[in-house]
Amino acid sequence: MMTFALYLRSCLPSARRCMILQKRSNIRNTSSMPGGLRPASVVVLPNSLAPAFERFCQANTGPLPLLGRSEPEKWISPAQSTVSGTRIGCPQFQKYEFGTCTGSPTSLAEHSEQLKDMVAFLLDCSFSPEETMEKVGLPGRDPAGAGHAGAYKTTVPCVTHAGFCCPLVVTGRPVPEDKLGRLVQASCSLGGERGQPIHIGDPELLGIKELSKPDYGDPVVCQPGDVPVFWPSQLTSVEAVNSCRNRGIGHLLCKDELLKASLSLSHAHSVLITTGFPTHFNHQPPEETDGPPGAIALAAFLQALEKEVSMVVDQRALNLHQKLIEDAIEQGVLKTQVPLLTYKGGSMEVAQEFLCKDGDPKSPRFDHLVAIERAGRAADGNYYNARKMNIKHLVDPVDDLFLAAKKIPRISSTGVGDGGNELGMGKVKEAVKRHIRNGDVIACDVEADFAVIAGVSNWGGYALACALYILNSCEVHRCYLRKAIGSSGAPQDQSWTQALPSVTKEEKMLSILVQHKVRSGISGVVGMEVDGLPFHSVHAEMIQRLVDVTAV
């Protein structure tokens, strides 16, 4: 059975949809039939993502051989205008949302409005391992079977481009060792360069631990004397689309929140920062690499503005954060020590006692609270990661401090998040419920005064530091801050510039996290990445763009 794929990602960012297009078992590969019909995978994306995805395909031609693309509003029949001799046929759809099958629509009519500003990409599927195996006298997969050929995510990274970052996906077949030579020759003759296997033998060299556990379809079953053979799979496009950092957060954005948060921070004398999202509960430490770098970058710039800065973290993670801060100072990421506090919870009176001198709301110890990628309490009182796993046992109730601050006039608060389950995102919880996967369960119920939404929470921390630089470099703002009292003075441009986030400093900070075995949030990798995105090609670019805009 030939398998095609149509992956639909809605122009509504939260509704990332993937659709699998499956031909029925009696329809064969038609690439050699009169009329030039050619099977293709189709990836449908918002027009805004089209240029980046096109370049991503061009950089990864093995798994993503691009035949052509449509123009917005013409995606239903891209073959007519962009790809000669290519047709889609009569598909049966299976609808996937965030990688999970949620239905089998018979048409896309109900998505017509969403498709108006979308672009279709056609990926060549004309090469078939089944046809190759038939040519050398090997039995193909059972044509009556309802499953799909096994495909596996590998540890081989595709070339990253503009947020599209994913591992190579391969499809495998068992081949008797004595027929390997003939199979390779047949593959090359039928599929050219595209038909060549990319790996023969030990699956672990691709990072595949068990052939019995494919990521897609049915497992590859090797009999005695068989050798597994692997080809690149167009299912790589599923991983690419799922990797793109636009997980519905566009719907969470509130106008001018970064400006409002920065203005409030600029007026503050003492700031309390919190971070920590223990999503990897089966590892030690369970923290992820998103959060601490952004928190420390903001702390460094607040120190340069001569503000008092403290951090409150989970008791169980206190030693980890002490080491992170010590190493950050040693590496030049931080200039001076940041006091670390813990809060184990209690009544609102206990929270007020923590925030205020002698518990007096007229004498707050802190003017502003900032949470950067900090696990936030949901409506049911639990704390959830993006997969709906309850991590309450790993999280101290720092949320109580934000709730208590709401009743203390002189304390304001900011929440920085990228998924809606972070502390402070209660301000946008209704949007989280509507547009974020599992949002009805994971949405944080605790509101901050300002909600800063970022593709990666670290970026929100960097952006706050950069916004503070811009504000405090403004003569009008400086006059407003000092109420016209004292000398205007020249801004400390040099020290402030040195305190800004930089690619070098953030690379050092991520290296420190790696040394302490802190993992990437999505992939779980202990390495130079955050939320599954590599530092050098994605995060470094974002940091440099922020600094370039700031220092003009």
Protein backbone atom coordinates (compact mmCIF):
# COMPACT_ATOMS: atom_id res chain seq x y z
CA MET A 1 0.00 0.00 0.00
CA MET A 2 1.37 3.38 -1.01
CA THR A 3 1.21 6.04 1.68
CA PHE A 4 1.12 9.80 1.11
CA ALA A 5 0.96 12.61 3.61
CA LEU A 6 -0.83 15.93 3.75
CA TYR A 7 0.18 17.94 6.80
CA LEU A 8 -1.99 20.96 7.49
CA ARG A 9 -0.86 23.60 9.90
CA SER A 10 -3.60 26.16 10.36
CA CYS A 11 -3.05 29.87 9.87
CA LEU A 12 -4.40 30.03 13.41
CA PRO A 13 -1.06 29.24 15.11
CA SER A 14 -2.66 27.37 17.99
CA ALA A 15 -4.42 24.98 15.65
CA ARG A 16 -1.35 23.29 14.26
CA ARG A 17 -2.95 20.49 12.35
CA CYS A 18 -1.31 17.60 10.58
CA MET A 19 -3.28 15.55 8.08
CA ILE A 20 -2.22 12.18 6.82
CA LEU A 21 -3.38 11.43 3.29
CA GLN A 22 -3.66 7.69 2.66
CA LYS A 23 -4.31 6.01 -0.70
CA ARG A 24 -6.43 2.87 -0.64
CA SER A 25 -4.71 -0.48 -0.99
CA ASN A 26 -5.83 -1.06 -4.61
CA ILE A 27 -4.20 2.17 -5.84
CA ARG A 28 -0.64 1.60 -6.94
CA ASN A 29 2.29 3.87 -7.51
CA THR A 30 1.28 5.84 -10.62
CA SER A 31 4.54 7.70 -11.27
CA SER A 32 5.17 5.65 -14.43
CA MET A 33 1.59 5.65 -15.72
CA PRO A 34 0.47 7.70 -18.74
CA GLY A 35 -0.39 11.26 -17.88
CA GLY A 36 2.60 11.58 -15.55
CA LEU A 37 0.72 11.15 -12.27
CA ARG A 38 3.22 11.36 -9.42
CA PRO A 39 2.56 10.57 -5.77
CA ALA A 40 3.49 13.39 -3.39
CA SER A 41 3.40 14.37 0.24
CA VAL A 42 1.80 17.76 0.72
CA VAL A 43 2.68 20.15 3.54
CA VAL A 44 0.29 23.06 3.97
CA LEU A 45 1.54 26.01 6.02
CA PRO A 46 0.64 29.65 6.67
CA ASN A 47 2.08 31.97 4.04
CA SER A 48 4.24 33.64 6.70
CA LEU A 49 6.15 30.38 7.23
CA ALA A 50 6.41 29.44 3.55
CA PRO A 51 9.78 31.07 2.68
CA ALA A 52 11.51 29.50 5.68
CA PHE A 53 10.03 26.05 5.01
CA GLU A 54 11.02 26.23 1.35
CA ARG A 55 14.63 26.96 2.30
CA PHE A 56 14.47 24.20 4.94
CA CYS A 57 13.45 21.72 2.23
CA GLN A 58 16.17 22.97 -0.11
CA ALA A 59 18.73 22.38 2.65
CA ASN A 60 17.42 18.84 3.29
CA THR A 61 16.68 17.45 -0.15
CA GLY A 62 17.13 13.81 0.88
CA PRO A 63 14.04 13.47 3.10
CA LEU A 64 12.24 16.53 1.65
CA PRO A 65 12.62 16.50 -2.16
CA LEU A 66 10.60 19.57 -3.10
CA LEU A 67 8.63 19.35 -6.34
CA GLY A 68 7.03 22.76 -6.06
CA ARG A 69 4.73 25.03 -4.10
CA SER A 70 1.45 26.81 -4.58
CA GLU A 71 0.46 30.39 -4.03
CA PRO A 72 -1.90 31.43 -1.20
CA GLU A 73 -5.56 30.54 -1.91
CA LYS A 74 -4.46 28.22 -4.74
CA TRP A 75 -3.18 25.33 -2.69
CA ILE A 76 -5.95 22.92 -3.73
CA SER A 77 -4.44 22.51 -7.21
CA PRO A 78 -0.78 23.59 -7.01
CA ALA A 79 0.10 21.23 -9.85
CA GLN A 80 -1.70 23.40 -12.37
CA SER A 81 0.62 26.34 -11.80
CA THR A 82 3.81 25.10 -10.24
CA VAL A 83 4.53 21.43 -10.88
CA SER A 84 4.01 19.97 -14.29
CA GLY A 85 2.40 16.55 -14.35
CA THR A 86 1.65 16.33 -10.64
CA ARG A 87 -1.81 15.63 -9.22
CA ILE A 88 -3.17 14.91 -5.79
CA GLY A 89 -5.79 12.30 -6.69
CA CYS A 90 -8.75 11.33 -4.49
CA PRO A 91 -7.48 11.27 -0.93
CA GLN A 92 -8.93 9.90 2.25
CA PHE A 93 -7.89 12.10 5.15
CA GLN A 94 -6.87 11.42 8.70
CA LYS A 95 -6.66 14.56 10.78
CA TYR A 96 -3.82 15.01 13.23
CA GLU A 97 -3.63 17.73 15.86
CA PHE A 98 -0.26 18.14 17.54
CA GLY A 99 0.73 14.69 16.26
CA THR A 100 -2.39 12.91 17.55
CA CYS A 101 -5.09 11.58 15.24
CA THR A 102 -8.37 13.35 16.05
CA GLY A 103 -10.60 12.27 13.17
CA SER A 104 -10.98 11.21 9.53
CA PRO A 105 -12.68 13.97 7.53
CA THR A 106 -13.76 13.19 3.98
CA SER A 107 -12.98 16.70 2.74
CA LEU A 108 -11.27 19.93 3.75
CA ALA A 109 -14.34 22.09 3.15
CA GLU A 110 -14.65 22.98 6.83
CA HIS A 111 -11.11 24.40 6.75
CA SER A 112 -11.71 26.70 3.77
CA GLU A 113 -11.34 29.92 5.75
CA GLN A 114 -8.12 28.76 7.38
CA LEU A 115 -6.68 27.73 4.02
CA LYS A 116 -7.07 31.12 2.35
CA ASP A 117 -3.65 32.36 3.42
CA MET A 118 -1.86 29.04 3.22
CA VAL A 119 0.70 27.56 0.87
CA ALA A 120 1.03 23.93 -0.22
CA PHE A 121 4.42 22.28 -0.71
CA LEU A 122 4.65 19.08 -2.77
CA LEU A 123 7.34 16.58 -1.79
CA ASP A 124 8.26 13.82 -4.22
CA CYS A 125 7.15 10.33 -3.14
CA SER A 126 7.73 8.63 -6.48
CA PHE A 127 10.41 6.30 -5.13
CA SER A 128 9.03 3.22 -3.39
CA PRO A 129 11.10 0.70 -1.40
CA GLU A 130 8.27 -1.79 -2.05
CA GLU A 131 8.68 -1.52 -5.83
CA THR A 132 12.43 -1.92 -5.45
CA MET A 133 12.05 -5.03 -3.35
CA GLU A 134 9.64 -6.53 -5.88
CA LYS A 135 12.21 -5.97 -8.62
CA VAL A 136 14.80 -8.10 -6.82
CA GLY A 137 12.26 -10.80 -5.99
CA LEU A 138 11.59 -9.87 -2.38
CA PRO A 139 8.09 -9.86 -0.92
CA GLY A 140 6.79 -6.37 -0.13
CA ARG A 141 4.52 -5.52 2.73
CA ASP A 142 1.15 -7.27 2.80
CA PRO A 143 -1.05 -5.19 0.48
CA ALA A 144 -4.09 -6.15 2.53
CA GLY A 145 -2.57 -4.79 5.70
CA ALA A 146 -4.08 -1.64 7.13
CA GLY A 147 -0.91 -0.33 8.69
CA HIS A 148 1.83 1.94 7.44
CA ALA A 149 5.45 0.99 6.85
CA GLY A 150 7.55 1.53 9.94
CA ALA A 151 9.32 4.86 10.23
CA TYR A 152 11.71 6.00 12.95
CA LYS A 153 13.01 9.26 14.30
CA THR A 154 16.80 9.22 14.31
CA THR A 155 19.45 11.21 16.13
CA VAL A 156 20.67 12.60 12.80
CA PRO A 157 19.80 16.33 12.80
CA CYS A 158 18.44 17.98 9.68
CA VAL A 159 19.96 21.30 8.65
CA THR A 160 18.14 23.94 10.69
CA HIS A 161 16.57 27.03 9.19
CA ALA A 162 14.57 29.84 10.84
CA GLY A 163 12.92 27.75 13.53
CA PHE A 164 12.48 24.57 11.49
CA CYS A 165 14.65 22.11 13.37
CA CYS A 166 14.08 18.37 13.57
CA PRO A 167 15.71 14.95 13.38
CA LEU A 168 15.77 12.91 10.19
CA VAL A 169 12.98 10.33 9.96
CA VAL A 170 13.74 7.10 8.10
CA THR A 171 11.70 4.18 6.83
CA GLY A 172 13.16 0.69 7.09
CA ARG A 173 12.79 -2.72 5.42
CA PRO A 174 14.32 -6.11 6.27
CA VAL A 175 16.47 -7.51 3.44
CA PRO A 176 18.25 -10.90 3.27
CA GLU A 177 21.97 -10.29 3.40
CA ASP A 178 22.62 -12.14 0.14
CA LYS A 179 20.31 -9.77 -1.76
CA LEU A 180 21.67 -6.48 -0.43
CA GLY A 181 23.82 -5.80 -3.50
CA ARG A 182 20.95 -6.34 -5.94
CA LEU A 183 18.65 -4.17 -3.80
CA VAL A 184 21.07 -1.25 -3.77
CA GLN A 185 21.51 -1.47 -7.55
CA ALA A 186 17.75 -1.62 -8.07
CA SER A 187 17.19 1.31 -5.70
CA CYS A 188 19.62 3.48 -7.61
CA SER A 189 18.18 2.55 -11.00
CA LEU A 190 14.60 3.19 -9.96
CA GLY A 191 15.07 6.23 -7.73
CA GLY A 192 18.44 7.64 -8.72
CA GLU A 193 20.19 9.46 -5.91
CA ARG A 194 16.91 9.60 -3.98
CA GLY A 195 16.55 5.85 -4.13
CA GLN A 196 19.87 5.12 -2.48
CA PRO A 197 19.62 3.72 1.05
CA ILE A 198 21.18 6.04 3.61
CA HIS A 199 22.03 3.31 6.11
CA ILE A 200 22.42 -0.46 6.08
CA GLY A 201 22.83 -2.48 9.24
CA ASP A 202 22.91 -1.58 12.94
CA PRO A 203 19.94 0.74 13.67
CA GLU A 204 21.62 2.08 16.81
CA LEU A 205 24.09 3.96 14.62
CA LEU A 206 21.07 6.09 13.63
CA GLY A 207 19.97 6.36 17.25
CA ILE A 208 17.17 3.80 16.80
CA LYS A 209 17.11 1.75 19.97
CA GLU A 210 14.41 -0.79 19.09
CA LEU A 211 13.01 -1.70 15.68
CA SER A 212 9.98 -3.07 17.48
CA LYS A 213 9.02 0.46 18.56
CA PRO A 214 8.62 2.67 15.47
CA ASP A 215 7.58 6.30 15.80
CA TYR A 216 5.19 5.84 12.87
CA GLY A 217 3.44 2.80 11.42
CA ASP A 218 4.25 -0.85 11.94
CA PRO A 219 7.56 -2.22 13.23
CA VAL A 220 10.26 -3.61 10.97
CA VAL A 221 10.57 -7.33 11.71
CA CYS A 222 13.89 -8.92 10.79
CA GLN A 223 14.15 -12.68 10.35
CA PRO A 224 17.42 -14.57 10.83
CA GLY A 225 19.78 -13.56 8.03
CA ASP A 226 17.98 -10.25 7.41
CA VAL A 227 19.68 -6.87 7.50
CA PRO A 228 17.66 -3.67 8.09
CA VAL A 229 17.93 -1.12 5.27
CA PHE A 230 16.86 2.50 5.72
CA TRP A 231 15.75 5.28 3.38
CA PRO A 232 14.88 8.91 4.21
CA SER A 233 11.18 9.45 4.84
CA GLN A 234 8.90 12.39 3.99
CA LEU A 235 7.54 11.98 7.52
CA THR A 236 10.48 14.19 8.39
CA SER A 237 8.11 16.99 7.41
CA VAL A 238 5.85 16.15 10.37
CA GLU A 239 8.77 16.64 12.74
CA ALA A 240 9.76 19.84 10.95
CA VAL A 241 6.31 21.38 11.27
CA ASN A 242 5.98 20.31 14.88
CA SER A 243 9.37 21.84 15.66
CA CYS A 244 8.47 25.29 14.43
CA ARG A 245 8.25 27.64 17.39
CA ASN A 246 4.76 28.99 16.80
CA ARG A 247 2.70 26.73 19.01
CA GLY A 248 -0.41 28.87 19.15
CA ILE A 249 1.23 31.55 21.23
CA GLY A 250 0.31 34.23 18.71
CA HIS A 251 -3.17 34.15 20.21
CA LEU A 252 -1.80 34.86 23.68
CA LEU A 253 -0.17 38.15 22.76
CA CYS A 254 -1.45 41.26 24.51
CA LYS A 255 -0.55 44.66 23.11
CA ASP A 256 2.28 46.62 24.74
CA GLU A 257 2.88 44.12 27.56
CA LEU A 258 6.65 44.20 27.08
CA LEU A 259 6.62 48.01 27.24
CA LYS A 260 4.40 48.07 30.33
CA ALA A 261 6.48 45.46 32.14
CA SER A 262 9.71 47.29 31.28
CA LEU A 263 8.34 50.62 32.49
CA SER A 264 7.30 49.06 35.78
CA LEU A 265 10.68 47.36 36.20
CA SER A 266 12.45 50.61 35.39
CA HIS A 267 10.71 52.29 38.34
CA ALA A 268 11.39 49.40 40.72
CA HIS A 269 14.17 49.53 43.32
CA SER A 270 14.08 45.87 44.36
CA VAL A 271 13.13 42.99 42.04
CA LEU A 272 12.40 39.35 42.89
CA ILE A 273 12.87 36.88 40.00
CA THR A 274 11.69 33.27 39.95
CA THR A 275 12.33 30.51 37.42
CA GLY A 276 12.29 26.73 37.21
CA PHE A 277 10.13 24.30 35.25
CA PRO A 278 10.90 20.70 36.33
CA THR A 279 9.43 19.02 33.27
CA HIS A 280 11.93 16.10 33.16
CA PHE A 281 10.66 14.40 36.31
CA ASN A 282 12.41 11.12 35.50
CA HIS A 283 15.85 12.75 35.51
CA GLN A 284 18.08 14.61 37.94
CA PRO A 285 17.93 17.50 37.89
CA PRO A 286 14.41 17.70 36.40
CA GLU A 287 14.86 21.34 35.29
CA GLU A 288 15.03 22.44 31.66
CA THR A 289 17.37 24.85 29.89
CA ASP A 290 14.63 27.39 29.24
CA GLY A 291 14.24 29.84 32.13
CA PRO A 292 17.52 30.17 34.05
CA PRO A 293 19.45 31.86 31.19
CA GLY A 294 16.68 34.42 30.68
CA ALA A 295 16.37 35.02 34.43
CA ILE A 296 20.11 35.52 34.91
CA ALA A 297 20.35 37.76 31.84
CA LEU A 298 17.62 40.00 33.27
CA ALA A 299 19.24 39.95 36.71
CA ALA A 300 22.57 41.03 35.19
CA PHE A 301 21.04 44.06 33.54
CA LEU A 302 19.03 45.03 36.63
CA GLN A 303 22.29 44.92 38.58
CA ALA A 304 23.83 47.29 36.01
CA LEU A 305 20.92 49.66 36.71
CA GLU A 306 21.91 49.46 40.39
CA LYS A 307 18.71 47.74 41.44
CA GLU A 308 18.52 45.12 44.18
CA VAL A 309 17.89 41.70 42.68
CA SER A 310 16.98 38.44 44.42
CA MET A 311 15.75 35.08 43.16
CA VAL A 312 13.28 32.63 44.71
CA VAL A 313 13.54 29.00 43.59
CA ASP A 314 12.30 25.58 44.66
CA GLN A 315 13.91 24.28 47.84
CA ARG A 316 14.93 21.03 46.14
CA ALA A 317 16.67 23.05 43.37
CA LEU A 318 18.43 25.52 45.66
CA ASN A 319 21.86 23.88 45.38
CA LEU A 320 21.58 23.70 41.59
CA HIS A 321 20.80 27.40 41.28
CA GLN A 322 23.58 28.30 43.72
CA LYS A 323 26.03 26.49 41.46
CA LEU A 324 24.57 28.12 38.35
CA ILE A 325 24.99 31.58 39.83
CA GLU A 326 28.51 30.87 41.08
CA ASP A 327 29.54 29.58 37.67
CA ALA A 328 27.83 32.52 35.95
CA ILE A 329 29.89 34.94 38.04
CA GLU A 330 33.08 33.00 37.36
CA GLN A 331 32.36 33.01 33.60
CA GLY A 332 31.52 36.73 33.53
CA VAL A 333 27.83 36.27 32.79
CA LEU A 334 26.89 37.87 36.13
CA LYS A 335 28.85 40.62 37.82
CA THR A 336 27.84 40.06 41.44
CA GLN A 337 26.02 37.52 43.58
CA VAL A 338 22.23 37.22 43.43
CA PRO A 339 20.70 36.26 46.81
CA LEU A 340 18.71 33.03 46.58
CA LEU A 341 15.50 32.53 48.56
CA THR A 342 12.98 29.74 48.94
CA TYR A 343 9.29 29.80 49.79
CA LYS A 344 7.52 26.71 51.09
CA GLY A 345 4.03 28.18 51.23
CA GLY A 346 1.28 28.66 53.78
CA SER A 347 -1.50 31.20 54.12
CA MET A 348 -1.81 34.53 52.32
CA GLU A 349 -0.53 36.10 55.55
CA VAL A 350 2.65 34.02 55.25
CA ALA A 351 3.08 35.20 51.65
CA GLN A 352 2.58 38.81 52.72
CA GLU A 353 5.12 38.33 55.51
CA PHE A 354 7.60 37.10 52.89
CA LEU A 355 7.00 40.07 50.60
CA CYS A 356 6.81 42.86 53.17
CA LYS A 357 8.86 44.07 56.14
CA ASP A 358 7.13 42.88 59.31
CA GLY A 359 4.23 41.83 57.07
CA ASP A 360 3.28 45.47 56.57
CA PRO A 361 1.88 45.99 53.02
CA LYS A 362 3.03 49.61 53.24
CA SER A 363 6.65 48.43 53.43
CA PRO A 364 7.24 45.90 50.63
CA ARG A 365 10.67 44.30 50.32
CA PHE A 366 10.20 44.04 46.56
CA ASP A 367 8.63 46.43 44.06
CA HIS A 368 8.31 43.94 41.21
CA LEU A 369 8.06 40.15 40.84
CA VAL A 370 9.16 38.46 37.61
CA ALA A 371 8.53 34.83 36.66
CA ILE A 372 10.45 33.50 33.64
CA GLU A 373 9.48 29.97 32.54
CA ARG A 374 8.27 29.13 36.02
CA ALA A 375 5.74 26.31 36.42
CA GLY A 376 2.33 27.87 37.06
CA ARG A 377 -0.58 26.53 39.10
CA ALA A 378 -3.59 25.35 37.09
CA ALA A 379 -7.23 25.83 38.08
CA ASP A 380 -7.33 22.44 39.84
CA GLY A 381 -4.35 23.35 42.04
CA ASN A 382 -1.88 21.13 40.19
CA TYR A 383 1.12 22.01 38.02
CA TYR A 384 1.37 20.51 34.53
CA ASN A 385 3.95 20.26 31.81
CA ALA A 386 2.85 20.55 28.17
CA ARG A 387 2.00 16.83 28.05
CA LYS A 388 -0.47 17.12 30.95
CA MET A 389 1.86 15.35 33.38
CA ASN A 390 1.34 16.57 36.94
CA ILE A 391 4.60 17.86 38.45
CA LYS A 392 3.15 19.34 41.64
CA HIS A 393 5.46 17.23 43.80
CA LEU A 394 8.44 19.10 42.34
CA VAL A 395 7.10 22.65 42.60
CA ASP A 396 6.97 24.98 45.62
CA PRO A 397 3.93 27.33 45.77
CA VAL A 398 5.71 30.49 44.65
CA ASP A 399 2.40 31.33 42.94
CA ASP A 400 1.12 32.45 46.38
CA LEU A 401 3.56 35.36 46.27
CA PHE A 402 2.06 36.59 42.99
CA LEU A 403 -1.46 36.22 44.40
CA ALA A 404 -0.50 38.13 47.56
CA ALA A 405 1.23 40.85 45.49
CA LYS A 406 -2.11 41.57 43.80
CA LYS A 407 -3.36 42.90 47.13
CA ILE A 408 -0.27 45.00 47.86
CA PRO A 409 -0.53 48.30 45.92
CA ARG A 410 3.21 48.92 45.61
CA ILE A 411 4.16 45.54 44.14
CA SER A 412 3.64 44.79 40.44
CA SER A 413 4.39 41.53 38.60
CA THR A 414 5.38 40.12 35.22
CA GLY A 415 5.05 36.60 33.86
CA VAL A 416 7.14 35.42 30.90
CA GLY A 417 6.03 32.26 29.14
CA ASP A 418 5.85 30.41 25.84
CA GLY A 419 3.10 27.84 26.35
CA GLY A 420 0.46 29.13 28.76
CA ASN A 421 1.28 26.84 31.68
CA GLU A 422 3.83 29.23 33.17
CA LEU A 423 3.35 31.40 36.26
CA GLY A 424 1.66 34.68 35.37
CA MET A 425 -0.10 33.36 32.27
CA GLY A 426 -3.43 33.45 34.10
CA LYS A 427 -3.88 36.82 32.42
CA VAL A 428 -4.35 35.01 29.08
CA LYS A 429 -5.79 31.72 30.35
CA GLU A 430 -8.92 31.85 28.20
CA ALA A 431 -6.78 32.17 25.07
CA VAL A 432 -4.58 29.33 26.35
CA LYS A 433 -7.64 27.10 26.76
CA ARG A 434 -8.82 27.84 23.22
CA HIS A 435 -5.57 27.78 21.30
CA ILE A 436 -2.92 25.75 23.14
CA ARG A 437 -2.78 21.99 23.09
CA ASN A 438 -4.13 20.60 26.40
CA GLY A 439 -4.84 24.21 27.38
CA ASP A 440 -8.07 23.33 29.17
CA VAL A 441 -5.99 21.35 31.67
CA ILE A 442 -2.55 22.97 31.79
CA ALA A 443 -3.47 26.69 31.62
CA CYS A 444 -1.99 28.62 34.53
CA ASP A 445 -4.70 30.15 36.69
CA VAL A 446 -2.46 32.70 38.44
CA GLU A 447 -2.36 36.12 36.82
CA ALA A 448 0.50 38.60 36.64
CA ASP A 449 -0.01 42.29 35.96
CA PHE A 450 1.87 41.90 32.69
CA ALA A 451 2.14 38.81 30.46
CA VAL A 452 5.16 38.75 28.14
CA ILE A 453 4.75 36.04 25.49
CA ALA A 454 7.81 34.72 23.64
CA GLY A 455 8.59 31.82 21.31
CA VAL A 456 11.09 30.68 23.95
CA SER A 457 10.83 32.12 27.46
CA ASN A 458 14.55 32.91 27.59
CA TRP A 459 13.95 35.29 24.70
CA GLY A 460 11.40 37.12 26.84
CA GLY A 461 14.04 37.60 29.56
CA TYR A 462 16.52 38.91 27.00
CA ALA A 463 13.87 41.22 25.55
CA LEU A 464 13.11 42.70 28.98
CA ALA A 465 16.79 43.47 29.50
CA CYS A 466 17.03 45.09 26.07
CA ALA A 467 13.84 47.10 26.62
CA LEU A 468 15.23 48.39 29.93
CA TYR A 469 18.38 49.50 28.11
CA ILE A 470 16.34 51.44 25.56
CA LEU A 471 14.17 53.08 28.24
CA ASN A 472 17.03 54.08 30.48
CA SER A 473 18.99 55.45 27.53
CA CYS A 474 16.13 57.87 26.86
CA GLU A 475 16.72 61.34 28.37
CA VAL A 476 12.98 61.97 28.80
CA HIS A 477 12.54 58.72 30.69
CA ARG A 478 15.55 59.43 32.92
CA CYS A 479 14.11 62.84 33.79
CA TYR A 480 10.78 61.20 34.60
CA LEU A 481 12.48 58.62 36.84
CA ARG A 482 14.35 61.20 38.91
CA LYS A 483 11.39 63.62 39.01
CA ALA A 484 13.74 66.38 37.78
CA ILE A 485 15.72 66.11 41.02
CA GLY A 486 19.52 66.06 40.81
CA SER A 487 21.82 66.13 37.84
CA SER A 488 20.61 64.58 34.62
CA GLY A 489 24.04 63.01 34.12
CA ALA A 490 25.08 60.98 31.13
CA PRO A 491 23.72 57.43 30.87
CA GLN A 492 26.21 54.74 31.76
CA ASP A 493 26.14 53.47 28.19
CA GLN A 494 29.35 51.45 28.45
CA SER A 495 28.44 49.51 31.58
CA TRP A 496 24.89 49.02 30.40
CA THR A 497 26.02 47.76 27.00
CA GLN A 498 28.37 45.29 28.67
CA ALA A 499 25.48 44.07 30.83
CA LEU A 500 23.21 43.34 27.86
CA PRO A 501 22.70 39.74 26.79
CA SER A 502 25.20 38.61 24.17
CA VAL A 503 25.77 35.50 22.12
CA THR A 504 29.02 34.85 23.98
CA LYS A 505 27.52 35.22 27.46
CA GLU A 506 24.45 33.14 26.69
CA GLU A 507 26.60 30.43 25.11
CA LYS A 508 28.58 30.33 28.36
CA MET A 509 25.36 30.19 30.38
CA LEU A 510 23.99 27.29 28.35
CA SER A 511 27.33 25.50 28.66
CA ILE A 512 27.06 25.87 32.44
CA LEU A 513 23.61 24.27 32.35
CA VAL A 514 24.95 21.42 30.24
CA GLN A 515 27.76 20.85 32.75
CA HIS A 516 25.11 20.43 35.43
CA LYS A 517 23.11 17.98 33.27
CA VAL A 518 20.14 20.30 32.73
CA ARG A 519 18.11 19.15 29.73
CA SER A 520 16.41 20.75 26.76
CA GLY A 521 12.68 21.19 27.40
CA ILE A 522 11.24 19.39 24.37
CA SER A 523 13.88 16.86 23.34
CA GLY A 524 15.31 16.04 26.77
CA VAL A 525 18.81 16.33 25.30
CA VAL A 526 21.72 17.36 27.51
CA GLY A 527 23.37 19.65 25.01
CA MET A 528 23.57 23.10 23.49
CA GLU A 529 19.88 23.53 22.82
CA VAL A 530 16.75 25.00 24.39
CA ASP A 531 13.26 23.63 23.71
CA GLY A 532 14.67 21.36 21.04
CA LEU A 533 16.22 24.27 19.12
CA PRO A 534 20.02 24.37 18.68
CA PHE A 535 21.85 27.30 20.22
CA HIS A 536 24.22 28.17 17.40
CA SER A 537 21.74 28.42 14.54
CA VAL A 538 18.57 29.57 16.33
CA HIS A 539 19.11 31.09 19.78
CA ALA A 540 22.34 32.85 18.85
CA GLU A 541 20.57 34.45 15.89
CA MET A 542 17.70 35.66 18.09
CA ILE A 543 20.05 37.11 20.71
CA GLN A 544 22.05 38.95 18.07
CA ARG A 545 18.91 40.36 16.47
CA LEU A 546 17.73 41.68 19.85
CA VAL A 547 21.09 43.26 20.61
CA ASP A 548 21.34 44.79 17.12
CA VAL A 549 17.91 46.40 17.48
CA THR A 550 18.74 47.60 21.00
CA ALA A 551 22.13 49.15 20.40
CA VAL A 552 21.32 51.18 17.27
